[in-house]
Protein backbone atom coordinates (compact mmCIF):
# COMPACT_ATOMS: atom_id res chain seq x y z
CA MET A 1 0.00 0.00 0.00
CA THR A 2 1.31 3.42 -0.87
CA ALA A 3 1.84 5.94 1.92
CA LYS A 4 -0.74 8.21 0.31
CA ALA A 5 -3.27 5.38 0.34
CA ALA A 6 -2.46 4.42 3.93
CA ALA A 7 -3.14 8.01 4.97
CA GLN A 8 -6.76 7.50 3.85
CA LEU A 9 -7.29 4.87 6.54
CA ARG A 10 -7.84 7.17 9.51
CA PRO A 11 -9.88 6.52 12.66
CA ASP A 12 -12.57 8.99 11.55
CA VAL A 13 -13.44 6.82 8.53
CA ALA A 14 -13.75 3.59 10.55
CA PRO A 15 -17.49 4.05 11.25
CA LEU A 16 -18.12 4.58 7.52
CA LEU A 17 -16.07 1.54 6.54
CA ASP A 18 -17.69 -0.55 9.25
CA ASP A 19 -21.20 0.41 8.13
CA LEU A 20 -20.34 -0.18 4.47
CA THR A 21 -18.79 -3.57 5.22
CA ALA A 22 -21.84 -4.67 7.19
CA ARG A 23 -24.22 -3.57 4.44
CA LEU A 24 -22.13 -5.14 1.68
CA THR A 25 -22.05 -8.40 3.63
CA GLU A 26 -25.86 -8.51 3.45
CA LEU A 27 -26.01 -7.61 -0.24
CA SER A 28 -27.76 -10.28 -2.31
CA ALA A 29 -26.50 -9.24 -5.76
CA TRP A 30 -22.78 -8.48 -6.06
CA ASP A 31 -22.72 -6.12 -9.04
CA ALA A 32 -21.71 -2.50 -9.58
CA PRO A 33 -25.24 -1.00 -9.45
CA ALA A 34 -26.09 -2.81 -6.19
CA ILE A 35 -22.72 -1.85 -4.67
CA GLU A 36 -23.22 1.77 -5.73
CA ALA A 37 -26.64 1.84 -4.05
CA VAL A 38 -25.06 0.67 -0.78
CA PHE A 39 -22.39 3.39 -1.00
CA HIS A 40 -25.11 6.02 -1.44
CA GLU A 41 -27.08 4.64 1.51
CA VAL A 42 -24.02 4.82 3.74
CA VAL A 43 -22.98 8.37 2.81
CA THR A 44 -26.56 9.57 3.18
CA ARG A 45 -26.89 7.88 6.56
CA HIS A 46 -23.64 9.46 7.79
CA GLY A 47 -24.19 12.83 6.13
CA VAL A 48 -20.88 12.87 4.25
CA GLY A 49 -19.82 13.23 0.64
CA LEU A 50 -19.08 10.20 -1.50
CA GLY A 51 -15.34 10.93 -1.58
CA LYS A 52 -15.16 10.59 2.21
CA LEU A 53 -16.10 6.91 1.74
CA ALA A 54 -14.86 6.05 -1.76
CA GLN A 55 -11.24 7.09 -1.21
CA PRO A 56 -10.69 5.00 1.93
CA VAL A 57 -12.40 2.04 0.24
CA ARG A 58 -10.17 2.49 -2.81
CA ALA A 59 -7.11 2.55 -0.55
CA ALA A 60 -8.29 -0.52 1.34
CA VAL A 61 -9.06 -2.68 -1.67
CA THR A 62 -6.40 -1.54 -4.16
CA GLY A 63 -3.60 -0.13 -1.99
CA SER A 64 -3.65 3.02 -4.10
CA THR A 65 -5.48 6.33 -4.33
CA ALA A 66 -6.22 5.85 -8.02
CA SER A 67 -8.20 3.06 -9.66
CA PRO A 68 -11.00 2.46 -12.10
CA GLY A 69 -14.51 3.08 -10.74
CA ILE A 70 -14.68 1.75 -7.20
CA TYR A 71 -18.01 -0.05 -7.71
CA GLU A 72 -16.59 -1.91 -10.69
CA VAL A 73 -13.38 -2.69 -8.81
CA LEU A 74 -15.37 -4.26 -5.97
CA GLU A 75 -17.49 -6.22 -8.44
CA LEU A 76 -14.43 -7.57 -10.26
CA LEU A 77 -12.57 -8.41 -7.04
CA GLY A 78 -15.58 -10.34 -5.86
CA ARG A 79 -17.45 -10.39 -2.58
CA GLU A 80 -14.96 -12.43 -0.51
CA LYS A 81 -11.79 -10.53 -1.50
CA SER A 82 -13.48 -7.15 -1.23
CA LEU A 83 -14.91 -7.85 2.22
CA ALA A 84 -11.65 -9.38 3.42
CA ARG A 85 -9.71 -6.28 2.36
CA LEU A 86 -12.23 -3.95 4.00
CA ARG A 87 -12.05 -5.96 7.23
CA ALA A 88 -8.24 -5.88 7.09
CA ALA A 89 -8.35 -2.09 6.69
CA LEU A 90 -10.67 -1.81 9.70
CA ALA A 91 -8.28 -3.97 11.73
CA GLN A 92 -5.36 -1.80 10.64
CA ILE A 93 -7.20 1.36 11.69
CA ALA A 94 -8.06 -0.19 15.07
CA SER A 95 -4.47 -1.29 15.60
CA VAL A 96 -3.08 2.16 14.86
CA SER A 97 -5.73 3.77 17.08
CA GLU A 98 -4.82 1.47 19.98
CA ARG A 99 -1.10 2.21 19.66
CA SER A 100 -1.66 5.95 19.59
CA SER A 101 -4.02 5.98 22.60
CA PRO A 102 -2.47 7.00 25.93
């Protein structure tokens, strides 16, 4: 993962990533339109812009800050790999948060 991508995985995005991961886990159809709908539900629920969620997801699943469309990337990676990478990013955020806590 590039340093620029790792910088996207901050504690403030953990609730967004956690919510997205939970909702994607329940998704019946794993295709770009269904994934996009979940992204929009999450950003609406949290009252943030799409970039606040899409960039950390891009970093988590590709290790970079640039990629093709994130919905298509998730679709092509598949459910299991995508969810595994999102969970790994959440674990990384939690680990960094624990080390930096007094």
